[in-house]
Protein backbone atom coordinates (compact mmCIF):
# COMPACT_ATOMS: atom_id res chain seq x y z
CA MET A 1 -61.60 58.72 -10.08
CA ALA A 2 -62.09 57.03 -13.47
CA GLY A 3 -63.72 53.91 -12.07
CA LEU A 4 -60.57 51.81 -12.62
CA SER A 5 -58.83 49.70 -10.03
CA ARG A 6 -55.17 50.30 -9.21
CA VAL A 7 -54.36 46.83 -10.52
CA THR A 8 -55.90 47.65 -13.91
CA VAL A 9 -53.99 50.95 -14.14
CA ARG A 10 -50.70 49.28 -13.15
CA LYS A 11 -51.21 46.53 -15.76
CA GLY A 12 -51.93 49.19 -18.40
CA ILE A 13 -48.78 51.11 -17.48
CA GLU A 14 -46.68 47.91 -17.59
CA GLN A 15 -48.06 47.10 -21.04
CA LEU A 16 -47.24 50.61 -22.32
CA ILE A 17 -43.69 50.23 -20.94
CA GLU A 18 -43.34 46.86 -22.74
CA GLU A 19 -44.56 48.48 -25.99
CA GLY A 20 -42.04 51.31 -25.62
CA VAL A 21 -44.66 54.03 -25.25
CA LEU A 22 -43.61 54.76 -21.67
CA VAL A 23 -40.23 54.53 -19.92
CA ARG A 24 -39.67 54.08 -16.21
CA GLN A 25 -36.71 55.87 -14.64
CA GLN A 26 -35.71 54.60 -11.21
CA GLY A 27 -36.22 57.31 -8.61
CA SER A 28 -37.77 59.77 -11.10
CA GLY A 29 -41.01 58.25 -12.33
CA THR A 30 -42.66 57.04 -15.52
CA PHE A 31 -42.53 59.19 -18.64
CA VAL A 32 -43.69 59.18 -22.24
CA ALA A 33 -40.87 57.75 -24.39
CA SER A 34 -39.29 60.01 -26.96
CA ARG A 35 -40.26 59.13 -30.51
CA ILE A 36 -38.44 59.48 -33.80
CA LYS A 37 -40.23 62.37 -35.47
CA ALA A 38 -40.56 62.59 -39.21
CA PRO A 39 -41.85 65.66 -40.99
CA GLY A 40 -45.30 65.07 -42.42
CA SER A 41 -44.75 66.98 -45.64
CA LYS A 42 -42.44 64.41 -47.24
CA LEU A 43 -42.30 60.65 -46.94
CA SER A 44 -38.71 59.87 -46.05
CA SER A 45 -36.85 56.60 -46.23
CA PHE A 46 -35.36 54.62 -43.37
CA SER A 47 -31.90 55.45 -44.75
CA ASP A 48 -32.64 59.20 -44.90
CA GLU A 49 -34.02 59.18 -41.35
CA THR A 50 -31.05 57.22 -40.05
CA ARG A 51 -28.57 59.61 -41.69
CA SER A 52 -30.47 62.62 -40.31
CA ARG A 53 -29.85 61.23 -36.81
CA GLY A 54 -26.12 60.98 -37.54
CA GLU A 55 -26.02 57.20 -37.92
CA ALA A 56 -24.99 55.05 -40.87
CA PRO A 57 -27.87 53.08 -42.42
CA GLY A 58 -27.44 49.48 -43.44
CA VAL A 59 -29.40 46.40 -44.34
CA VAL A 60 -28.90 42.66 -44.38
CA TRP A 61 -31.12 41.40 -47.20
CA ILE A 62 -32.64 38.02 -46.38
CA ASN A 63 -34.91 37.89 -49.39
CA ASN A 64 -34.90 39.94 -52.57
CA THR A 65 -36.54 38.10 -55.42
CA TYR A 66 -39.14 38.50 -58.13
CA ALA A 67 -42.34 36.48 -57.78
CA GLN A 68 -45.97 36.28 -58.85
CA PRO A 69 -48.30 38.43 -56.75
CA THR A 70 -50.66 36.90 -54.23
CA GLU A 71 -54.41 37.33 -54.79
CA GLU A 72 -54.47 40.18 -52.29
CA GLU A 73 -51.53 41.96 -53.99
CA ALA A 74 -53.06 41.46 -57.45
CA ALA A 75 -56.25 43.16 -56.20
CA SER A 76 -54.43 46.49 -55.93
CA PRO A 77 -54.69 48.85 -58.92
CA GLU A 78 -50.90 48.90 -59.48
CA VAL A 79 -50.50 45.11 -59.85
CA SER A 80 -52.12 42.74 -62.31
CA ALA A 81 -52.29 39.01 -61.68
CA SER A 82 -49.86 38.40 -64.56
CA ALA A 83 -47.30 41.00 -63.43
CA LYS A 84 -44.32 40.21 -61.28
CA VAL A 85 -43.53 41.80 -57.94
CA ALA A 86 -40.26 42.31 -56.11
CA ARG A 87 -40.37 40.74 -52.65
CA LEU A 88 -37.91 42.31 -50.28
CA GLY A 89 -37.16 41.28 -46.74
CA GLY A 90 -34.28 42.28 -44.56
CA VAL A 91 -32.98 43.53 -41.27
CA ARG A 92 -32.49 47.31 -41.21
CA LEU A 93 -29.42 48.57 -39.36
CA ALA A 94 -28.66 51.93 -37.78
CA GLY A 95 -25.05 52.45 -36.78
CA GLY A 96 -24.42 48.75 -37.35
CA GLU A 97 -27.12 47.71 -34.88
CA PRO A 98 -30.32 45.89 -35.94
CA LEU A 99 -33.27 48.25 -35.60
CA ALA A 100 -36.15 46.94 -37.71
CA ILE A 101 -37.34 44.10 -39.90
CA GLU A 102 -38.54 45.29 -43.27
CA HIS A 103 -40.87 43.48 -45.65
CA ALA A 104 -41.85 45.15 -48.90
CA VAL A 105 -43.68 44.07 -52.02
CA ILE A 106 -43.17 46.41 -54.97
CA PRO A 107 -44.42 45.99 -58.54
CA ALA A 108 -41.37 44.84 -60.53
CA GLN A 109 -41.93 47.58 -63.12
CA PHE A 110 -41.00 50.15 -60.44
CA LEU A 111 -37.86 48.31 -59.29
CA PRO A 112 -36.31 46.81 -62.41
CA ASP A 113 -32.91 45.68 -61.06
CA LEU A 114 -32.67 44.05 -57.62
CA ASP A 115 -28.88 43.78 -58.00
CA MET A 116 -28.75 47.58 -57.67
CA LEU A 117 -30.38 47.53 -54.22
CA GLY A 118 -28.13 49.10 -51.65
CA ASP A 119 -29.05 50.35 -48.21
CA SER A 120 -32.15 52.16 -49.48
CA VAL A 121 -35.21 50.92 -51.34
CA TYR A 122 -36.22 54.53 -52.03
CA GLU A 123 -33.02 55.44 -53.90
CA PRO A 124 -33.52 53.07 -56.87
CA LEU A 125 -37.24 53.93 -56.93
CA ASP A 126 -36.31 57.62 -56.99
CA ARG A 127 -33.74 57.08 -59.79
CA HIS A 128 -36.51 55.59 -61.96
CA GLY A 129 -39.01 58.33 -61.06
CA PHE A 130 -41.14 56.21 -58.73
CA ARG A 131 -40.45 57.68 -55.28
CA PRO A 132 -43.38 56.96 -52.90
CA THR A 133 -45.46 59.95 -51.84
């Protein structure tokens, strides 16, 4: 057929199941897993996507501080070596259940008050006119 052994194909399928690309249903077969679809015309936030699925968004912030940028971060056009950045890290929740780990580094000028962070990083950015596109 494709010049692959059955063992190789089975290992590939098992890996895709582990990665969540495929799902195996006992007695039915193996299928492509359903994915969360986001419209491509607008970049939406985790909170917006969670609400659109009828679940309550949440976050447990583990880290939200201002810091100096790393060399790699300072190489971007939006960040100078002398500017500060907001480092955010937390566990994103959907319906009270942990769903994702989020790490973000945002130039401090775009996110002036970390105390105002709620469940969404996009909301305070949007309020200050800096919504990502």
